[in-house]
């Protein structure tokens, strides 16, 4: 595998980073270094690395939204989780809207759509 180019934007000659151990937006651990979970690691420049963090949070929130509307147990059913997710989506949208470079990993329209959908859900008490 070629790790000389950012796999988000294709830039070369920049330091590259890989996501590995950490926690998702809701604090659950994840491990991308496990052989079953990370057969083809991806490397990102600093800017795309930031976008990758935004994308990961967006995906975590979207997955919890899908669970919520399908009646499954969801972190968004908790008041704190719902509020944190709402604020984070606004932060992500603001970052994407004010950035001079368009994210190759996440479209602001996707974020806006999820924000609108989340606004139609009754916030838990």
PDB file of N, CA and C in Angstrom:
ATOM      1  N   UNK A   1       0.830  -1.175   0.000  1.00  0.00           N
ATOM      2  CA  UNK A   1       0.000   0.000   0.000  1.00  0.00           C
ATOM      3  C   UNK A   1       0.881   1.246   0.000  1.00  0.00           C
ATOM      4  N   UNK A   2       0.497   2.233  -0.742  1.00  0.00           N
ATOM      5  CA  UNK A   2       1.257   3.471  -0.844  1.00  0.00           C
ATOM      6  C   UNK A   2       0.791   4.442   0.239  1.00  0.00           C
ATOM      7  N   UNK A   3       1.692   4.790   1.168  1.00  0.00           N
ATOM      8  CA  UNK A   3       1.341   5.734   2.226  1.00  0.00           C
ATOM      9  C   UNK A   3       2.003   7.088   1.992  1.00  0.00           C
ATOM     10  N   UNK A   4       2.352   7.380   0.749  1.00  0.00           N
ATOM     11  CA  UNK A   4       2.977   8.660   0.428  1.00  0.00           C
ATOM     12  C   UNK A   4       1.962   9.738   0.098  1.00  0.00           C
ATOM     13  N   UNK A   5       0.726   9.356  -0.155  1.00  0.00           N
ATOM     14  CA  UNK A   5      -0.323  10.287  -0.551  1.00  0.00           C
ATOM     15  C   UNK A   5      -1.476  10.230   0.437  1.00  0.00           C
ATOM     16  N   UNK A   6      -2.061  11.390   0.713  1.00  0.00           N
ATOM     17  CA  UNK A   6      -3.257  11.440   1.553  1.00  0.00           C
ATOM     18  C   UNK A   6      -4.386  10.744   0.803  1.00  0.00           C
ATOM     19  N   UNK A   7      -5.062   9.844   1.474  1.00  0.00           N
ATOM     20  CA  UNK A   7      -6.142   9.115   0.833  1.00  0.00           C
ATOM     21  C   UNK A   7      -7.478   9.850   0.917  1.00  0.00           C
ATOM     22  N   UNK A   8      -7.430  11.083   1.443  1.00  0.00           N
ATOM     23  CA  UNK A   8      -8.620  11.926   1.416  1.00  0.00           C
ATOM     24  C   UNK A   8      -8.579  12.881   0.243  1.00  0.00           C
ATOM     25  N   UNK A   9      -7.434  13.594   0.113  1.00  0.00           N
ATOM     26  CA  UNK A   9      -7.339  14.628  -0.921  1.00  0.00           C
ATOM     27  C   UNK A   9      -6.240  14.361  -1.949  1.00  0.00           C
ATOM     28  N   UNK A  10      -5.358  13.397  -1.685  1.00  0.00           N
ATOM     29  CA  UNK A  10      -4.318  13.048  -2.642  1.00  0.00           C
ATOM     30  C   UNK A  10      -3.038  13.849  -2.530  1.00  0.00           C
ATOM     31  N   UNK A  11      -2.939  14.759  -1.557  1.00  0.00           N
ATOM     32  CA  UNK A  11      -1.738  15.575  -1.413  1.00  0.00           C
ATOM     33  C   UNK A  11      -0.542  14.679  -1.044  1.00  0.00           C
ATOM     34  N   UNK A  12       0.621  15.072  -1.509  1.00  0.00           N
ATOM     35  CA  UNK A  12       1.839  14.357  -1.137  1.00  0.00           C
ATOM     36  C   UNK A  12       2.797  15.347  -0.481  1.00  0.00           C
ATOM     37  N   UNK A  13       3.800  14.813   0.179  1.00  0.00           N
ATOM     38  CA  UNK A  13       4.800  15.675   0.799  1.00  0.00           C
ATOM     39  C   UNK A  13       4.357  16.279   2.115  1.00  0.00           C
ATOM     40  N   UNK A  14       3.299  15.765   2.695  1.00  0.00           N
ATOM     41  CA  UNK A  14       2.785  16.251   3.967  1.00  0.00           C
ATOM     42  C   UNK A  14       2.841  15.101   4.964  1.00  0.00           C
ATOM     43  N   UNK A  15       3.016  15.402   6.254  1.00  0.00           N
ATOM     44  CA  UNK A  15       2.975  14.304   7.223  1.00  0.00           C
ATOM     45  C   UNK A  15       1.602  13.647   7.183  1.00  0.00           C
ATOM     46  N   UNK A  16       1.571  12.338   7.282  1.00  0.00           N
ATOM     47  CA  UNK A  16       0.312  11.598   7.208  1.00  0.00           C
ATOM     48  C   UNK A  16       0.019  10.935   8.547  1.00  0.00           C
ATOM     49  N   UNK A  17      -1.269  10.807   8.863  1.00  0.00           N
ATOM     50  CA  UNK A  17      -1.706  10.202  10.109  1.00  0.00           C
ATOM     51  C   UNK A  17      -2.706   9.098   9.832  1.00  0.00           C
ATOM     52  N   UNK A  18      -2.772   8.157  10.778  1.00  0.00           N
ATOM     53  CA  UNK A  18      -3.727   7.061  10.678  1.00  0.00           C
ATOM     54  C   UNK A  18      -4.519   7.001  11.972  1.00  0.00           C
ATOM     55  N   UNK A  19      -5.815   6.773  11.855  1.00  0.00           N
ATOM     56  CA  UNK A  19      -6.635   6.610  13.043  1.00  0.00           C
ATOM     57  C   UNK A  19      -6.455   5.202  13.567  1.00  0.00           C
ATOM     58  N   UNK A  20      -6.411   5.076  14.880  1.00  0.00           N
ATOM     59  CA  UNK A  20      -6.253   3.747  15.466  1.00  0.00           C
ATOM     60  C   UNK A  20      -7.174   3.610  16.670  1.00  0.00           C
ATOM     61  N   UNK A  21      -6.603   3.616  17.862  1.00  0.00           N
ATOM     62  CA  UNK A  21      -7.407   3.447  19.061  1.00  0.00           C
ATOM     63  C   UNK A  21      -8.085   4.743  19.437  1.00  0.00           C
ATOM     64  N   UNK A  22      -9.239   4.647  20.010  1.00  0.00           N
ATOM     65  CA  UNK A  22      -9.923   5.847  20.446  1.00  0.00           C
ATOM     66  C   UNK A  22     -11.325   5.548  20.903  1.00  0.00           C
ATOM     67  N   UNK A  23     -12.116   6.591  20.987  1.00  0.00           N
ATOM     68  CA  UNK A  23     -13.518   6.458  21.377  1.00  0.00           C
ATOM     69  C   UNK A  23     -14.366   7.168  20.342  1.00  0.00           C
ATOM     70  N   UNK A  24     -15.568   6.641  20.128  1.00  0.00           N
ATOM     71  CA  UNK A  24     -16.465   7.298  19.185  1.00  0.00           C
ATOM     72  C   UNK A  24     -17.119   8.494  19.864  1.00  0.00           C
ATOM     73  N   UNK A  25     -18.004   9.170  19.176  1.00  0.00           N
ATOM     74  CA  UNK A  25     -18.627  10.382  19.695  1.00  0.00           C
ATOM     75  C   UNK A  25     -19.351  10.139  21.016  1.00  0.00           C
ATOM     76  N   UNK A  26     -19.914   8.966  21.185  1.00  0.00           N
ATOM     77  CA  UNK A  26     -20.673   8.652  22.389  1.00  0.00           C
ATOM     78  C   UNK A  26     -19.825   7.978  23.467  1.00  0.00           C
ATOM     79  N   UNK A  27     -18.493   7.969  23.271  1.00  0.00           N
ATOM     80  CA  UNK A  27     -17.582   7.455  24.284  1.00  0.00           C
ATOM     81  C   UNK A  27     -17.330   5.965  24.244  1.00  0.00           C
ATOM     82  N   UNK A  28     -17.826   5.300  23.213  1.00  0.00           N
ATOM     83  CA  UNK A  28     -17.595   3.859  23.103  1.00  0.00           C
ATOM     84  C   UNK A  28     -16.237   3.613  22.456  1.00  0.00           C
ATOM     85  N   UNK A  29     -15.473   2.636  22.962  1.00  0.00           N
ATOM     86  CA  UNK A  29     -14.143   2.389  22.391  1.00  0.00           C
ATOM     87  C   UNK A  29     -14.228   1.774  20.991  1.00  0.00           C
ATOM     88  N   UNK A  30     -13.250   2.103  20.163  1.00  0.00           N
ATOM     89  CA  UNK A  30     -13.100   1.442  18.877  1.00  0.00           C
ATOM     90  C   UNK A  30     -11.617   1.194  18.658  1.00  0.00           C
ATOM     91  N   UNK A  31     -11.312   0.236  17.834  1.00  0.00           N
ATOM     92  CA  UNK A  31      -9.923  -0.158  17.590  1.00  0.00           C
ATOM     93  C   UNK A  31      -9.775  -0.489  16.120  1.00  0.00           C
ATOM     94  N   UNK A  32      -9.218   0.443  15.350  1.00  0.00           N
ATOM     95  CA  UNK A  32      -9.032   0.207  13.924  1.00  0.00           C
ATOM     96  C   UNK A  32      -7.762  -0.579  13.647  1.00  0.00           C
ATOM     97  N   UNK A  33      -6.952  -0.864  14.688  1.00  0.00           N
ATOM     98  CA  UNK A  33      -5.722  -1.625  14.468  1.00  0.00           C
ATOM     99  C   UNK A  33      -5.938  -3.120  14.515  1.00  0.00           C
ATOM    100  N   UNK A  34      -7.091  -3.547  15.001  1.00  0.00           N
ATOM    101  CA  UNK A  34      -7.355  -4.981  15.040  1.00  0.00           C
ATOM    102  C   UNK A  34      -7.368  -5.523  13.627  1.00  0.00           C
ATOM    103  N   UNK A  35      -6.723  -6.676  13.413  1.00  0.00           N
ATOM    104  CA  UNK A  35      -6.649  -7.222  12.051  1.00  0.00           C
ATOM    105  C   UNK A  35      -8.004  -7.348  11.364  1.00  0.00           C
ATOM    106  N   UNK A  36      -9.043  -7.728  12.094  1.00  0.00           N
ATOM    107  CA  UNK A  36     -10.342  -7.891  11.445  1.00  0.00           C
ATOM    108  C   UNK A  36     -10.973  -6.552  11.086  1.00  0.00           C
ATOM    109  N   UNK A  37     -10.583  -5.483  11.769  1.00  0.00           N
ATOM    110  CA  UNK A  37     -11.206  -4.182  11.544  1.00  0.00           C
ATOM    111  C   UNK A  37     -10.391  -3.263  10.644  1.00  0.00           C
ATOM    112  N   UNK A  38      -9.133  -3.569  10.411  1.00  0.00           N
ATOM    113  CA  UNK A  38      -8.280  -2.625   9.692  1.00  0.00           C
ATOM    114  C   UNK A  38      -7.336  -3.341   8.727  1.00  0.00           C
ATOM    115  N   UNK A  39      -7.889  -4.010   7.750  1.00  0.00           N
ATOM    116  CA  UNK A  39      -7.080  -4.723   6.772  1.00  0.00           C
ATOM    117  C   UNK A  39      -6.379  -3.775   5.812  1.00  0.00           C
ATOM    118  N   UNK A  40      -6.972  -2.639   5.550  1.00  0.00           N
ATOM    119  CA  UNK A  40      -6.416  -1.654   4.624  1.00  0.00           C
ATOM    120  C   UNK A  40      -6.401  -0.281   5.269  1.00  0.00           C
ATOM    121  N   UNK A  41      -5.400  -0.005   6.117  1.00  0.00           N
ATOM    122  CA  UNK A  41      -5.391   1.295   6.791  1.00  0.00           C
ATOM    123  C   UNK A  41      -5.295   2.449   5.800  1.00  0.00           C
ATOM    124  N   UNK A  42      -5.918   3.550   6.156  1.00  0.00           N
ATOM    125  CA  UNK A  42      -5.888   4.747   5.318  1.00  0.00           C
ATOM    126  C   UNK A  42      -5.106   5.821   6.048  1.00  0.00           C
ATOM    127  N   UNK A  43      -4.380   6.606   5.272  1.00  0.00           N
ATOM    128  CA  UNK A  43      -3.518   7.645   5.811  1.00  0.00           C
ATOM    129  C   UNK A  43      -3.997   9.006   5.326  1.00  0.00           C
ATOM    130  N   UNK A  44      -3.999  10.007   6.238  1.00  0.00           N
ATOM    131  CA  UNK A  44      -4.560  11.311   5.935  1.00  0.00           C
ATOM    132  C   UNK A  44      -3.599  12.436   6.312  1.00  0.00           C
ATOM    133  N   UNK A  45      -3.629  13.505   5.515  1.00  0.00           N
ATOM    134  CA  UNK A  45      -2.883  14.726   5.843  1.00  0.00           C
ATOM    135  C   UNK A  45      -3.577  15.389   7.040  1.00  0.00           C
ATOM    136  N   UNK A  46      -2.959  16.386   7.656  1.00  0.00           N
ATOM    137  CA  UNK A  46      -3.598  17.024   8.823  1.00  0.00           C
ATOM    138  C   UNK A  46      -5.005  17.566   8.551  1.00  0.00           C
ATOM    139  N   UNK A  47      -5.216  18.184   7.409  1.00  0.00           N
ATOM    140  CA  UNK A  47      -6.545  18.734   7.109  1.00  0.00           C
ATOM    141  C   UNK A  47      -7.576  17.619   6.949  1.00  0.00           C
ATOM    142  N   UNK A  48      -7.231  16.595   6.177  1.00  0.00           N
ATOM    143  CA  UNK A  48      -8.169  15.485   5.980  1.00  0.00           C
ATOM    144  C   UNK A  48      -8.354  14.687   7.264  1.00  0.00           C
ATOM    145  N   UNK A  49      -7.333  14.670   8.108  1.00  0.00           N
ATOM    146  CA  UNK A  49      -7.454  14.012   9.402  1.00  0.00           C
ATOM    147  C   UNK A  49      -8.538  14.700  10.240  1.00  0.00           C
ATOM    148  N   UNK A  50      -8.571  16.025  10.200  1.00  0.00           N
ATOM    149  CA  UNK A  50      -9.609  16.775  10.895  1.00  0.00           C
ATOM    150  C   UNK A  50     -10.983  16.455  10.293  1.00  0.00           C
ATOM    151  N   UNK A  51     -11.050  16.417   8.959  1.00  0.00           N
ATOM    152  CA  UNK A  51     -12.314  16.068   8.302  1.00  0.00           C
ATOM    153  C   UNK A  51     -12.728  14.637   8.650  1.00  0.00           C
ATOM    154  N   UNK A  52     -11.769  13.749   8.800  1.00  0.00           N
ATOM    155  CA  UNK A  52     -12.074  12.362   9.147  1.00  0.00           C
ATOM    156  C   UNK A  52     -12.696  12.300  10.539  1.00  0.00           C
ATOM    157  N   UNK A  53     -12.204  13.117  11.475  1.00  0.00           N
ATOM    158  CA  UNK A  53     -12.823  13.184  12.804  1.00  0.00           C
ATOM    159  C   UNK A  53     -14.264  13.674  12.712  1.00  0.00           C
ATOM    160  N   UNK A  54     -14.494  14.690  11.886  1.00  0.00           N
ATOM    161  CA  UNK A  54     -15.856  15.199  11.698  1.00  0.00           C
ATOM    162  C   UNK A  54     -16.745  14.119  11.094  1.00  0.00           C
ATOM    163  N   UNK A  55     -16.209  13.424  10.096  1.00  0.00           N
ATOM    164  CA  UNK A  55     -16.968  12.364   9.432  1.00  0.00           C
ATOM    165  C   UNK A  55     -17.317  11.254  10.425  1.00  0.00           C
ATOM    166  N   UNK A  56     -16.369  10.883  11.275  1.00  0.00           N
ATOM    167  CA  UNK A  56     -16.612   9.820  12.253  1.00  0.00           C
ATOM    168  C   UNK A  56     -17.726  10.229  13.208  1.00  0.00           C
ATOM    169  N   UNK A  57     -17.671  11.469  13.719  1.00  0.00           N
ATOM    170  CA  UNK A  57     -18.727  11.933  14.620  1.00  0.00           C
ATOM    171  C   UNK A  57     -20.074  11.971  13.900  1.00  0.00           C
ATOM    172  N   UNK A  58     -20.084  12.445  12.661  1.00  0.00           N
ATOM    173  CA  UNK A  58     -21.317  12.487  11.876  1.00  0.00           C
ATOM    174  C   UNK A  58     -21.897  11.079  11.715  1.00  0.00           C
ATOM    175  N   UNK A  59     -21.042  10.124  11.367  1.00  0.00           N
ATOM    176  CA  UNK A  59     -21.527   8.741  11.177  1.00  0.00           C
ATOM    177  C   UNK A  59     -22.058   8.154  12.472  1.00  0.00           C
ATOM    178  N   UNK A  60     -21.388   8.436  13.591  1.00  0.00           N
ATOM    179  CA  UNK A  60     -21.860   7.931  14.881  1.00  0.00           C
ATOM    180  C   UNK A  60     -23.244   8.485  15.202  1.00  0.00           C
ATOM    181  N   UNK A  61     -23.422   9.778  15.007  1.00  0.00           N
ATOM    182  CA  UNK A  61     -24.708  10.423  15.283  1.00  0.00           C
ATOM    183  C   UNK A  61     -25.775   9.900  14.323  1.00  0.00           C
ATOM    184  N   UNK A  62     -25.416   9.751  13.055  1.00  0.00           N
ATOM    185  CA  UNK A  62     -26.381   9.252  12.062  1.00  0.00           C
ATOM    186  C   UNK A  62     -26.823   7.831  12.410  1.00  0.00           C
ATOM    187  N   UNK A  63     -25.902   6.990  12.819  1.00  0.00           N
ATOM    188  CA  UNK A  63     -26.238   5.607  13.184  1.00  0.00           C
ATOM    189  C   UNK A  63     -27.192   5.590  14.384  1.00  0.00           C
ATOM    190  N   UNK A  64     -26.957   6.463  15.352  1.00  0.00           N
ATOM    191  CA  UNK A  64     -27.841   6.535  16.517  1.00  0.00           C
ATOM    192  C   UNK A  64     -29.207   7.093  16.134  1.00  0.00           C
ATOM    193  N   UNK A  65     -29.241   8.025  15.183  1.00  0.00           N
ATOM    194  CA  UNK A  65     -30.512   8.550  14.700  1.00  0.00           C
ATOM    195  C   UNK A  65     -31.312   7.427  14.026  1.00  0.00           C
ATOM    196  N   UNK A  66     -30.640   6.639  13.190  1.00  0.00           N
ATOM    197  CA  UNK A  66     -31.311   5.519  12.517  1.00  0.00           C
ATOM    198  C   UNK A  66     -31.887   4.533  13.535  1.00  0.00           C
ATOM    199  N   UNK A  67     -31.125   4.263  14.596  1.00  0.00           N
ATOM    200  CA  UNK A  67     -31.619   3.372  15.656  1.00  0.00           C
ATOM    201  C   UNK A  67     -32.851   3.985  16.329  1.00  0.00           C
ATOM    202  N   UNK A  68     -32.773   5.272  16.626  1.00  0.00           N
ATOM    203  CA  UNK A  68     -33.865   5.953  17.325  1.00  0.00           C
ATOM    204  C   UNK A  68     -35.163   5.886  16.534  1.00  0.00           C
ATOM    205  N   UNK A  69     -35.105   6.204  15.255  1.00  0.00           N
ATOM    206  CA  UNK A  69     -36.352   6.245  14.475  1.00  0.00           C
ATOM    207  C   UNK A  69     -36.884   4.851  14.159  1.00  0.00           C
ATOM    208  N   UNK A  70     -36.015   3.830  14.284  1.00  0.00           N
ATOM    209  CA  UNK A  70     -36.503   2.462  14.051  1.00  0.00           C
ATOM    210  C   UNK A  70     -36.924   1.786  15.351  1.00  0.00           C
ATOM    211  N   UNK A  71     -36.908   2.543  16.468  1.00  0.00           N
ATOM    212  CA  UNK A  71     -37.385   2.012  17.729  1.00  0.00           C
ATOM    213  C   UNK A  71     -36.359   1.207  18.515  1.00  0.00           C
ATOM    214  N   UNK A  72     -35.114   1.225  18.066  1.00  0.00           N
ATOM    215  CA  UNK A  72     -34.060   0.508  18.788  1.00  0.00           C
ATOM    216  C   UNK A  72     -33.496   1.392  19.893  1.00  0.00           C
ATOM    217  N   UNK A  73     -32.757   0.777  20.761  1.00  0.00           N
ATOM    218  CA  UNK A  73     -32.082   1.520  21.828  1.00  0.00           C
ATOM    219  C   UNK A  73     -31.041   2.457  21.208  1.00  0.00           C
ATOM    220  N   UNK A  74     -31.069   3.729  21.608  1.00  0.00           N
ATOM    221  CA  UNK A  74     -30.199   4.731  21.002  1.00  0.00           C
ATOM    222  C   UNK A  74     -29.675   5.702  22.049  1.00  0.00           C
ATOM    223  N   UNK A  75     -28.450   6.146  21.847  1.00  0.00           N
ATOM    224  CA  UNK A  75     -27.864   7.177  22.702  1.00  0.00           C
ATOM    225  C   UNK A  75     -28.644   8.484  22.590  1.00  0.00           C
ATOM    226  N   UNK A  76     -29.341   8.681  21.485  1.00  0.00           N
ATOM    227  CA  UNK A  76     -30.118   9.912  21.295  1.00  0.00           C
ATOM    228  C   UNK A  76     -31.407   9.910  22.103  1.00  0.00           C
ATOM    229  N   UNK A  77     -31.761   8.781  22.687  1.00  0.00           N
ATOM    230  CA  UNK A  77     -32.936   8.716  23.549  1.00  0.00           C
ATOM    231  C   UNK A  77     -32.637   9.322  24.915  1.00  0.00           C
ATOM    232  N   UNK A  78     -31.363   9.585  25.176  1.00  0.00           N
ATOM    233  CA  UNK A  78     -30.949  10.231  26.425  1.00  0.00           C
ATOM    234  C   UNK A  78     -30.830  11.728  26.152  1.00  0.00           C
ATOM    235  N   UNK A  79     -31.326  12.525  27.072  1.00  0.00           N
ATOM    236  CA  UNK A  79     -31.325  13.973  26.890  1.00  0.00           C
ATOM    237  C   UNK A  79     -29.917  14.502  26.615  1.00  0.00           C
ATOM    238  N   UNK A  80     -28.937  14.069  27.405  1.00  0.00           N
ATOM    239  CA  UNK A  80     -27.561  14.543  27.231  1.00  0.00           C
ATOM    240  C   UNK A  80     -27.012  14.152  25.852  1.00  0.00           C
ATOM    241  N   UNK A  81     -27.241  12.912  25.449  1.00  0.00           N
ATOM    242  CA  UNK A  81     -26.761  12.457  24.140  1.00  0.00           C
ATOM    243  C   UNK A  81     -27.403  13.219  22.999  1.00  0.00           C
ATOM    244  N   UNK A  82     -28.692  13.473  23.136  1.00  0.00           N
ATOM    245  CA  UNK A  82     -29.430  14.218  22.116  1.00  0.00           C
ATOM    246  C   UNK A  82     -28.892  15.645  21.981  1.00  0.00           C
ATOM    247  N   UNK A  83     -28.714  16.317  23.126  1.00  0.00           N
ATOM    248  CA  UNK A  83     -28.216  17.699  23.099  1.00  0.00           C
ATOM    249  C   UNK A  83     -26.791  17.773  22.562  1.00  0.00           C
ATOM    250  N   UNK A  84     -25.921  16.877  23.022  1.00  0.00           N
ATOM    251  CA  UNK A  84     -24.532  16.862  22.541  1.00  0.00           C
ATOM    252  C   UNK A  84     -24.477  16.624  21.038  1.00  0.00           C
ATOM    253  N   UNK A  85     -25.309  15.693  20.554  1.00  0.00           N
ATOM    254  CA  UNK A  85     -25.325  15.394  19.120  1.00  0.00           C
ATOM    255  C   UNK A  85     -25.812  16.593  18.316  1.00  0.00           C
ATOM    256  N   UNK A  86     -26.838  17.267  18.813  1.00  0.00           N
ATOM    257  CA  UNK A  86     -27.361  18.454  18.120  1.00  0.00           C
ATOM    258  C   UNK A  86     -26.300  19.544  18.020  1.00  0.00           C
ATOM    259  N   UNK A  87     -25.614  19.788  19.122  1.00  0.00           N
ATOM    260  CA  UNK A  87     -24.561  20.805  19.139  1.00  0.00           C
ATOM    261  C   UNK A  87     -23.422  20.397  18.211  1.00  0.00           C
ATOM    262  N   UNK A  88     -23.041  19.128  18.262  1.00  0.00           N
ATOM    263  CA  UNK A  88     -21.919  18.676  17.420  1.00  0.00           C
ATOM    264  C   UNK A  88     -22.264  18.794  15.943  1.00  0.00           C
ATOM    265  N   UNK A  89     -23.478  18.484  15.561  1.00  0.00           N
ATOM    266  CA  UNK A  89     -23.864  18.638  14.156  1.00  0.00           C
ATOM    267  C   UNK A  89     -23.770  20.103  13.721  1.00  0.00           C
ATOM    268  N   UNK A  90     -24.186  21.015  14.586  1.00  0.00           N
ATOM    269  CA  UNK A  90     -24.056  22.446  14.260  1.00  0.00           C
ATOM    270  C   UNK A  90     -22.592  22.844  14.124  1.00  0.00           C
ATOM    271  N   UNK A  91     -21.742  22.320  15.007  1.00  0.00           N
ATOM    272  CA  UNK A  91     -20.305  22.596  14.919  1.00  0.00           C
ATOM    273  C   UNK A  91     -19.722  22.076  13.604  1.00  0.00           C
ATOM    274  N   UNK A  92     -20.074  20.848  13.264  1.00  0.00           N
ATOM    275  CA  UNK A  92     -19.576  20.245  12.022  1.00  0.00           C
ATOM    276  C   UNK A  92     -20.024  21.072  10.821  1.00  0.00           C
ATOM    277  N   UNK A  93     -21.305  21.450  10.803  1.00  0.00           N
ATOM    278  CA  UNK A  93     -21.823  22.246   9.687  1.00  0.00           C
ATOM    279  C   UNK A  93     -21.092  23.579   9.589  1.00  0.00           C
ATOM    280  N   UNK A  94     -20.859  24.224  10.717  1.00  0.00           N
ATOM    281  CA  UNK A  94     -20.148  25.507  10.728  1.00  0.00           C
ATOM    282  C   UNK A  94     -18.729  25.349  10.197  1.00  0.00           C
ATOM    283  N   UNK A  95     -18.041  24.324  10.639  1.00  0.00           N
ATOM    284  CA  UNK A  95     -16.673  24.084  10.158  1.00  0.00           C
ATOM    285  C   UNK A  95     -16.660  23.853   8.654  1.00  0.00           C
ATOM    286  N   UNK A  96     -17.574  23.020   8.177  1.00  0.00           N
ATOM    287  CA  UNK A  96     -17.631  22.741   6.736  1.00  0.00           C
ATOM    288  C   UNK A  96     -18.019  23.979   5.940  1.00  0.00           C
ATOM    289  N   UNK A  97     -18.873  24.811   6.507  1.00  0.00           N
ATOM    290  CA  UNK A  97     -19.338  26.021   5.804  1.00  0.00           C
ATOM    291  C   UNK A  97     -18.279  27.109   5.744  1.00  0.00           C
ATOM    292  N   UNK A  98     -17.433  27.170   6.752  1.00  0.00           N
ATOM    293  CA  UNK A  98     -16.448  28.258   6.811  1.00  0.00           C
ATOM    294  C   UNK A  98     -15.067  27.854   6.310  1.00  0.00           C
ATOM    295  N   UNK A  99     -14.893  26.594   6.018  1.00  0.00           N
ATOM    296  CA  UNK A  99     -13.591  26.124   5.537  1.00  0.00           C
ATOM    297  C   UNK A  99     -13.333  26.611   4.111  1.00  0.00           C
ATOM    298  N   UNK A 100     -12.097  26.987   3.851  1.00  0.00           N
ATOM    299  CA  UNK A 100     -11.743  27.433   2.504  1.00  0.00           C
ATOM    300  C   UNK A 100     -11.595  26.254   1.550  1.00  0.00           C
ATOM    301  N   UNK A 101     -11.469  25.069   2.091  1.00  0.00           N
ATOM    302  CA  UNK A 101     -11.300  23.855   1.282  1.00  0.00           C
ATOM    303  C   UNK A 101     -12.498  22.933   1.520  1.00  0.00           C
ATOM    304  N   UNK A 102     -13.103  22.450   0.455  1.00  0.00           N
ATOM    305  CA  UNK A 102     -14.233  21.533   0.585  1.00  0.00           C
ATOM    306  C   UNK A 102     -13.729  20.184   1.075  1.00  0.00           C
ATOM    307  N   UNK A 103     -14.445  19.598   2.011  1.00  0.00           N
ATOM    308  CA  UNK A 103     -14.058  18.296   2.546  1.00  0.00           C
ATOM    309  C   UNK A 103     -14.258  17.206   1.500  1.00  0.00           C
ATOM    310  N   UNK A 104     -13.225  16.366   1.269  1.00  0.00           N
ATOM    311  CA  UNK A 104     -13.410  15.234   0.366  1.00  0.00           C
ATOM    312  C   UNK A 104     -14.121  14.074   1.054  1.00  0.00           C
ATOM    313  N   UNK A 105     -14.372  14.194   2.353  1.00  0.00           N
ATOM    314  CA  UNK A 105     -14.912  13.079   3.131  1.00  0.00           C
ATOM    315  C   UNK A 105     -16.343  13.273   3.600  1.00  0.00           C
ATOM    316  N   UNK A 106     -16.817  14.522   3.649  1.00  0.00           N
ATOM    317  CA  UNK A 106     -18.143  14.784   4.192  1.00  0.00           C
ATOM    318  C   UNK A 106     -18.725  16.038   3.557  1.00  0.00           C
ATOM    319  N   UNK A 107     -19.933  15.924   3.052  1.00  0.00           N
ATOM    320  CA  UNK A 107     -20.608  17.069   2.424  1.00  0.00           C
ATOM    321  C   UNK A 107     -21.470  17.793   3.453  1.00  0.00           C
ATOM    322  N   UNK A 108     -21.406  19.110   3.442  1.00  0.00           N
ATOM    323  CA  UNK A 108     -22.184  19.877   4.414  1.00  0.00           C
ATOM    324  C   UNK A 108     -23.683  19.667   4.212  1.00  0.00           C
ATOM    325  N   UNK A 109     -24.122  19.342   3.007  1.00  0.00           N
ATOM    326  CA  UNK A 109     -25.548  19.088   2.761  1.00  0.00           C
ATOM    327  C   UNK A 109     -26.022  17.840   3.506  1.00  0.00           C
ATOM    328  N   UNK A 110     -25.153  16.843   3.627  1.00  0.00           N
ATOM    329  CA  UNK A 110     -25.502  15.643   4.402  1.00  0.00           C
ATOM    330  C   UNK A 110     -25.711  16.007   5.868  1.00  0.00           C
ATOM    331  N   UNK A 111     -24.848  16.857   6.380  1.00  0.00           N
ATOM    332  CA  UNK A 111     -24.939  17.288   7.773  1.00  0.00           C
ATOM    333  C   UNK A 111     -26.219  18.094   7.976  1.00  0.00           C
ATOM    334  N   UNK A 112     -26.502  19.005   7.065  1.00  0.00           N
ATOM    335  CA  UNK A 112     -27.712  19.823   7.153  1.00  0.00           C
ATOM    336  C   UNK A 112     -28.959  18.938   7.146  1.00  0.00           C
ATOM    337  N   UNK A 113     -28.983  17.941   6.299  1.00  0.00           N
ATOM    338  CA  UNK A 113     -30.128  17.031   6.229  1.00  0.00           C
ATOM    339  C   UNK A 113     -30.329  16.297   7.558  1.00  0.00           C
ATOM    340  N   UNK A 114     -29.241  15.813   8.151  1.00  0.00           N
ATOM    341  CA  UNK A 114     -29.365  15.120   9.435  1.00  0.00           C
ATOM    342  C   UNK A 114     -29.796  16.098  10.527  1.00  0.00           C
ATOM    343  N   UNK A 115     -29.300  17.332  10.486  1.00  0.00           N
ATOM    344  CA  UNK A 115     -29.733  18.345  11.454  1.00  0.00           C
ATOM    345  C   UNK A 115     -31.245  18.572  11.339  1.00  0.00           C
ATOM    346  N   UNK A 116     -31.731  18.667  10.125  1.00  0.00           N
ATOM    347  CA  UNK A 116     -33.168  18.883   9.909  1.00  0.00           C
ATOM    348  C   UNK A 116     -33.975  17.690  10.401  1.00  0.00           C
ATOM    349  N   UNK A 117     -33.480  16.491  10.136  1.00  0.00           N
ATOM    350  CA  UNK A 117     -34.185  15.288  10.589  1.00  0.00           C
ATOM    351  C   UNK A 117     -34.199  15.212  12.108  1.00  0.00           C
ATOM    352  N   UNK A 118     -33.081  15.540  12.733  1.00  0.00           N
ATOM    353  CA  UNK A 118     -32.995  15.505  14.182  1.00  0.00           C
ATOM    354  C   UNK A 118     -33.950  16.528  14.810  1.00  0.00           C
ATOM    355  N   UNK A 119     -34.155  17.638  14.119  1.00  0.00           N
ATOM    356  CA  UNK A 119     -35.075  18.671  14.611  1.00  0.00           C
ATOM    357  C   UNK A 119     -36.529  18.215  14.592  1.00  0.00           C
ATOM    358  N   UNK A 120     -36.849  17.178  13.841  1.00  0.00           N
ATOM    359  CA  UNK A 120     -38.225  16.670  13.790  1.00  0.00           C
ATOM    360  C   UNK A 120     -38.506  15.646  14.888  1.00  0.00           C
ATOM    361  N   UNK A 121     -37.455  15.223  15.588  1.00  0.00           N
ATOM    362  CA  UNK A 121     -37.592  14.232  16.650  1.00  0.00           C
ATOM    363  C   UNK A 121     -37.836  14.959  17.965  1.00  0.00           C
ATOM    364  N   UNK A 122     -38.706  14.430  18.775  1.00  0.00           N
ATOM    365  CA  UNK A 122     -38.956  15.029  20.085  1.00  0.00           C
ATOM    366  C   UNK A 122     -37.786  14.722  21.001  1.00  0.00           C
ATOM    367  N   UNK A 123     -37.243  15.778  21.598  1.00  0.00           N
ATOM    368  CA  UNK A 123     -36.108  15.608  22.493  1.00  0.00           C
ATOM    369  C   UNK A 123     -36.543  14.853  23.748  1.00  0.00           C
ATOM    370  N   UNK A 124     -35.730  13.881  24.174  1.00  0.00           N
ATOM    371  CA  UNK A 124     -36.085  13.134  25.377  1.00  0.00           C
ATOM    372  C   UNK A 124     -36.075  14.023  26.622  1.00  0.00           C
ATOM    373  N   UNK A 125     -36.885  13.652  27.580  1.00  0.00           N
ATOM    374  CA  UNK A 125     -36.954  14.435  28.833  1.00  0.00           C
ATOM    375  C   UNK A 125     -36.026  13.870  29.880  1.00  0.00           C
TER     376      UNK A 125
END
